[in-house]
PDB file of N, CA and C in Angstrom:
ATOM      1  N   UNK A   1      12.554 111.633  79.996  1.00  0.00           N
ATOM      2  CA  UNK A   1      12.405 111.329  81.531  1.00  0.00           C
ATOM      3  C   UNK A   1      13.164 110.253  81.835  1.00  0.00           C
ATOM      4  N   UNK A   2      13.969 110.187  82.637  1.00  0.00           N
ATOM      5  CA  UNK A   2      14.798 108.925  83.178  1.00  0.00           C
ATOM      6  C   UNK A   2      13.732 108.183  84.111  1.00  0.00           C
ATOM      7  N   UNK A   3      13.844 106.745  84.135  1.00  0.00           N
ATOM      8  CA  UNK A   3      12.903 105.909  84.849  1.00  0.00           C
ATOM      9  C   UNK A   3      13.863 104.942  85.154  1.00  0.00           C
ATOM     10  N   UNK A   4      13.777 104.856  86.581  1.00  0.00           N
ATOM     11  CA  UNK A   4      14.759 103.725  87.504  1.00  0.00           C
ATOM     12  C   UNK A   4      13.935 102.684  88.180  1.00  0.00           C
ATOM     13  N   UNK A   5      14.023 101.362  87.727  1.00  0.00           N
ATOM     14  CA  UNK A   5      13.266 100.472  88.488  1.00  0.00           C
ATOM     15  C   UNK A   5      14.309  99.597  89.410  1.00  0.00           C
ATOM     16  N   UNK A   6      13.705  99.536  90.728  1.00  0.00           N
ATOM     17  CA  UNK A   6      14.812  98.699  91.580  1.00  0.00           C
ATOM     18  C   UNK A   6      13.730  97.619  92.043  1.00  0.00           C
ATOM     19  N   UNK A   7      14.347  96.354  91.803  1.00  0.00           N
ATOM     20  CA  UNK A   7      13.773  95.221  92.452  1.00  0.00           C
ATOM     21  C   UNK A   7      14.409  94.738  93.774  1.00  0.00           C
ATOM     22  N   UNK A   8      13.678  94.388  94.534  1.00  0.00           N
ATOM     23  CA  UNK A   8      14.335  94.074  95.963  1.00  0.00           C
ATOM     24  C   UNK A   8      13.688  92.667  96.278  1.00  0.00           C
ATOM     25  N   UNK A   9      14.294  91.836  96.798  1.00  0.00           N
ATOM     26  CA  UNK A   9      13.964  90.774  97.402  1.00  0.00           C
ATOM     27  C   UNK A   9      13.540  90.822  98.910  1.00  0.00           C
ATOM     28  N   UNK A  10      12.369  90.866  99.047  1.00  0.00           N
ATOM     29  CA  UNK A  10      11.753  91.033 100.505  1.00  0.00           C
ATOM     30  C   UNK A  10      11.528  92.465 100.604  1.00  0.00           C
ATOM     31  N   UNK A  11      11.116  92.942 101.886  1.00  0.00           N
ATOM     32  CA  UNK A  11      10.520  94.078 102.220  1.00  0.00           C
ATOM     33  C   UNK A  11      11.654  95.263 102.571  1.00  0.00           C
ATOM     34  N   UNK A  12      11.350  96.369 102.351  1.00  0.00           N
ATOM     35  CA  UNK A  12      12.433  97.489 102.773  1.00  0.00           C
ATOM     36  C   UNK A  12      11.550  98.311 103.827  1.00  0.00           C
ATOM     37  N   UNK A  13      11.739  98.975 104.631  1.00  0.00           N
ATOM     38  CA  UNK A  13      11.433 100.116 105.529  1.00  0.00           C
ATOM     39  C   UNK A  13      10.925 101.357 104.913  1.00  0.00           C
ATOM     40  N   UNK A  14       9.969 102.120 105.161  1.00  0.00           N
ATOM     41  CA  UNK A  14       9.695 103.346 104.588  1.00  0.00           C
ATOM     42  C   UNK A  14      10.844 104.205 104.677  1.00  0.00           C
ATOM     43  N   UNK A  15      11.633 104.213 105.729  1.00  0.00           N
ATOM     44  CA  UNK A  15      12.853 104.771 105.783  1.00  0.00           C
ATOM     45  C   UNK A  15      13.770 104.623 104.721  1.00  0.00           C
ATOM     46  N   UNK A  16      14.076 103.424 104.454  1.00  0.00           N
ATOM     47  CA  UNK A  16      14.747 102.860 103.451  1.00  0.00           C
ATOM     48  C   UNK A  16      14.437 103.167 102.059  1.00  0.00           C
ATOM     49  N   UNK A  17      13.161 103.287 101.648  1.00  0.00           N
ATOM     50  CA  UNK A  17      12.550 103.578 100.474  1.00  0.00           C
ATOM     51  C   UNK A  17      12.795 104.947 100.351  1.00  0.00           C
ATOM     52  N   UNK A  18      12.674 105.787 101.331  1.00  0.00           N
ATOM     53  CA  UNK A  18      12.652 107.247 101.205  1.00  0.00           C
ATOM     54  C   UNK A  18      14.141 107.585 100.612  1.00  0.00           C
ATOM     55  N   UNK A  19      14.986 106.961 101.549  1.00  0.00           N
ATOM     56  CA  UNK A  19      16.798 107.173 101.327  1.00  0.00           C
ATOM     57  C   UNK A  19      16.797 106.800  99.933  1.00  0.00           C
ATOM     58  N   UNK A  20      16.349 105.669  99.392  1.00  0.00           N
ATOM     59  CA  UNK A  20      16.586 104.994  98.009  1.00  0.00           C
ATOM     60  C   UNK A  20      16.090 105.813  97.030  1.00  0.00           C
ATOM     61  N   UNK A  21      15.095 106.753  97.223  1.00  0.00           N
ATOM     62  CA  UNK A  21      14.476 107.484  96.307  1.00  0.00           C
ATOM     63  C   UNK A  21      15.252 108.884  96.164  1.00  0.00           C
ATOM     64  N   UNK A  22      15.680 109.350  97.467  1.00  0.00           N
ATOM     65  CA  UNK A  22      16.527 110.597  97.368  1.00  0.00           C
ATOM     66  C   UNK A  22      17.763 110.396  96.700  1.00  0.00           C
ATOM     67  N   UNK A  23      18.435 109.224  97.186  1.00  0.00           N
ATOM     68  CA  UNK A  23      19.939 109.083  96.660  1.00  0.00           C
ATOM     69  C   UNK A  23      19.839 108.714  95.253  1.00  0.00           C
ATOM     70  N   UNK A  24      19.017 107.805  94.876  1.00  0.00           N
ATOM     71  CA  UNK A  24      19.059 107.505  93.335  1.00  0.00           C
ATOM     72  C   UNK A  24      18.609 108.582  92.450  1.00  0.00           C
ATOM     73  N   UNK A  25      17.599 109.441  92.834  1.00  0.00           N
ATOM     74  CA  UNK A  25      17.218 110.613  92.237  1.00  0.00           C
ATOM     75  C   UNK A  25      18.613 111.451  91.983  1.00  0.00           C
ATOM     76  N   UNK A  26      19.359 111.563  93.062  1.00  0.00           N
ATOM     77  CA  UNK A  26      20.340 112.504  93.102  1.00  0.00           C
ATOM     78  C   UNK A  26      21.388 112.061  91.952  1.00  0.00           C
ATOM     79  N   UNK A  27      21.733 110.828  92.051  1.00  0.00           N
ATOM     80  CA  UNK A  27      22.486 110.175  91.035  1.00  0.00           C
ATOM     81  C   UNK A  27      22.167 110.508  89.560  1.00  0.00           C
ATOM     82  N   UNK A  28      20.931 110.218  89.180  1.00  0.00           N
ATOM     83  CA  UNK A  28      20.534 110.219  87.952  1.00  0.00           C
ATOM     84  C   UNK A  28      20.294 111.747  87.520  1.00  0.00           C
ATOM     85  N   UNK A  29      20.180 112.829  88.545  1.00  0.00           N
ATOM     86  CA  UNK A  29      20.371 113.917  88.113  1.00  0.00           C
ATOM     87  C   UNK A  29      21.748 114.479  87.839  1.00  0.00           C
ATOM     88  N   UNK A  30      22.715 113.950  88.610  1.00  0.00           N
ATOM     89  CA  UNK A  30      23.969 114.201  88.491  1.00  0.00           C
ATOM     90  C   UNK A  30      24.555 113.697  87.092  1.00  0.00           C
ATOM     91  N   UNK A  31      24.303 112.719  86.708  1.00  0.00           N
ATOM     92  CA  UNK A  31      24.678 111.979  85.322  1.00  0.00           C
ATOM     93  C   UNK A  31      23.969 112.426  84.153  1.00  0.00           C
ATOM     94  N   UNK A  32      22.672 112.598  84.023  1.00  0.00           N
ATOM     95  CA  UNK A  32      21.701 113.119  83.129  1.00  0.00           C
ATOM     96  C   UNK A  32      21.538 114.669  82.998  1.00  0.00           C
ATOM     97  N   UNK A  33      21.941 115.202  84.004  1.00  0.00           N
ATOM     98  CA  UNK A  33      21.705 116.702  83.798  1.00  0.00           C
ATOM     99  C   UNK A  33      20.145 117.012  83.856  1.00  0.00           C
ATOM    100  N   UNK A  34      19.352 116.144  84.136  1.00  0.00           N
ATOM    101  CA  UNK A  34      18.071 116.329  84.080  1.00  0.00           C
ATOM    102  C   UNK A  34      17.333 116.871  85.412  1.00  0.00           C
ATOM    103  N   UNK A  35      16.480 117.685  85.422  1.00  0.00           N
ATOM    104  CA  UNK A  35      15.947 118.125  86.702  1.00  0.00           C
ATOM    105  C   UNK A  35      15.259 117.147  87.635  1.00  0.00           C
ATOM    106  N   UNK A  36      15.402 117.097  88.984  1.00  0.00           N
ATOM    107  CA  UNK A  36      15.036 116.020  89.776  1.00  0.00           C
ATOM    108  C   UNK A  36      13.383 115.642  89.478  1.00  0.00           C
ATOM    109  N   UNK A  37      12.632 116.844  89.074  1.00  0.00           N
ATOM    110  CA  UNK A  37      11.241 116.716  88.728  1.00  0.00           C
ATOM    111  C   UNK A  37      10.819 115.546  87.607  1.00  0.00           C
ATOM    112  N   UNK A  38      11.964 115.349  86.775  1.00  0.00           N
ATOM    113  CA  UNK A  38      11.623 114.585  85.715  1.00  0.00           C
ATOM    114  C   UNK A  38      12.387 113.194  85.909  1.00  0.00           C
ATOM    115  N   UNK A  39      12.659 112.854  87.199  1.00  0.00           N
ATOM    116  CA  UNK A  39      13.254 111.660  87.438  1.00  0.00           C
ATOM    117  C   UNK A  39      12.206 110.723  88.180  1.00  0.00           C
ATOM    118  N   UNK A  40      11.962 109.583  87.706  1.00  0.00           N
ATOM    119  CA  UNK A  40      10.915 108.670  88.207  1.00  0.00           C
ATOM    120  C   UNK A  40      11.652 107.477  89.092  1.00  0.00           C
ATOM    121  N   UNK A  41      11.368 107.074  90.133  1.00  0.00           N
ATOM    122  CA  UNK A  41      12.090 106.052  90.752  1.00  0.00           C
ATOM    123  C   UNK A  41      10.893 104.846  91.066  1.00  0.00           C
ATOM    124  N   UNK A  42      11.070 103.618  90.686  1.00  0.00           N
ATOM    125  CA  UNK A  42       9.987 102.625  91.104  1.00  0.00           C
ATOM    126  C   UNK A  42      10.837 101.596  91.800  1.00  0.00           C
ATOM    127  N   UNK A  43      10.265 101.197  93.146  1.00  0.00           N
ATOM    128  CA  UNK A  43      10.454 100.374  93.892  1.00  0.00           C
ATOM    129  C   UNK A  43       9.821  99.025  93.820  1.00  0.00           C
ATOM    130  N   UNK A  44       9.902  97.930  93.337  1.00  0.00           N
ATOM    131  CA  UNK A  44       9.381  96.858  93.382  1.00  0.00           C
ATOM    132  C   UNK A  44       9.665  95.804  94.372  1.00  0.00           C
ATOM    133  N   UNK A  45       8.963  95.255  95.336  1.00  0.00           N
ATOM    134  CA  UNK A  45       9.257  94.562  96.277  1.00  0.00           C
ATOM    135  C   UNK A  45       8.861  92.940  95.915  1.00  0.00           C
ATOM    136  N   UNK A  46       9.738  92.083  95.822  1.00  0.00           N
ATOM    137  CA  UNK A  46       9.253  90.807  95.428  1.00  0.00           C
ATOM    138  C   UNK A  46       9.489  89.806  96.604  1.00  0.00           C
ATOM    139  N   UNK A  47       8.629  89.029  96.822  1.00  0.00           N
ATOM    140  CA  UNK A  47       8.664  88.134  97.883  1.00  0.00           C
ATOM    141  C   UNK A  47      10.124  87.282  97.773  1.00  0.00           C
ATOM    142  N   UNK A  48      10.766  87.005  98.843  1.00  0.00           N
ATOM    143  CA  UNK A  48      11.987  86.399  98.741  1.00  0.00           C
ATOM    144  C   UNK A  48      11.938  84.939  98.177  1.00  0.00           C
ATOM    145  N   UNK A  49      10.668  84.125  98.350  1.00  0.00           N
ATOM    146  CA  UNK A  49      10.558  82.803  97.757  1.00  0.00           C
ATOM    147  C   UNK A  49      10.254  82.779  96.509  1.00  0.00           C
ATOM    148  N   UNK A  50      10.197  84.214  95.531  1.00  0.00           N
ATOM    149  CA  UNK A  50      10.359  84.218  94.373  1.00  0.00           C
ATOM    150  C   UNK A  50      11.421  84.351  93.614  1.00  0.00           C
ATOM    151  N   UNK A  51      12.783  84.737  94.422  1.00  0.00           N
ATOM    152  CA  UNK A  51      14.069  84.589  94.131  1.00  0.00           C
ATOM    153  C   UNK A  51      14.927  83.441  94.460  1.00  0.00           C
ATOM    154  N   UNK A  52      15.722  83.160  93.501  1.00  0.00           N
ATOM    155  CA  UNK A  52      16.866  81.851  93.869  1.00  0.00           C
ATOM    156  C   UNK A  52      18.212  82.634  93.621  1.00  0.00           C
ATOM    157  N   UNK A  53      19.302  82.032  94.506  1.00  0.00           N
ATOM    158  CA  UNK A  53      20.514  82.226  94.038  1.00  0.00           C
ATOM    159  C   UNK A  53      21.328  81.082  94.344  1.00  0.00           C
ATOM    160  N   UNK A  54      22.134  80.638  93.182  1.00  0.00           N
ATOM    161  CA  UNK A  54      23.166  79.605  93.552  1.00  0.00           C
ATOM    162  C   UNK A  54      22.336  78.157  93.608  1.00  0.00           C
ATOM    163  N   UNK A  55      21.021  78.273  92.820  1.00  0.00           N
ATOM    164  CA  UNK A  55      20.295  76.908  92.885  1.00  0.00           C
ATOM    165  C   UNK A  55      19.427  76.834  94.022  1.00  0.00           C
ATOM    166  N   UNK A  56      19.432  77.801  94.982  1.00  0.00           N
ATOM    167  CA  UNK A  56      18.505  77.422  96.203  1.00  0.00           C
ATOM    168  C   UNK A  56      17.491  78.846  96.336  1.00  0.00           C
ATOM    169  N   UNK A  57      16.552  78.729  96.783  1.00  0.00           N
ATOM    170  CA  UNK A  57      15.289  79.720  97.087  1.00  0.00           C
ATOM    171  C   UNK A  57      15.620  80.587  98.260  1.00  0.00           C
ATOM    172  N   UNK A  58      15.482  81.734  97.734  1.00  0.00           N
ATOM    173  CA  UNK A  58      15.704  82.566  99.329  1.00  0.00           C
ATOM    174  C   UNK A  58      14.719  82.710 100.184  1.00  0.00           C
ATOM    175  N   UNK A  59      13.836  82.179 100.075  1.00  0.00           N
ATOM    176  CA  UNK A  59      12.451  82.141 100.815  1.00  0.00           C
ATOM    177  C   UNK A  59      12.410  80.984 101.736  1.00  0.00           C
TER     178      UNK A  59
END
């Protein structure tokens, strides 16, 4: 069973999450030839203050 975890700094809308789940599932099905029912997608939303890029906090 393929499991995909996406970490995102900040919040996504429900519509964005729905689209990501659909599109990521489609890619995994295409590449692995597994049925969509076997693909798990997990979206973790992490506060921007917990991420840093280039030595600076995103928060």
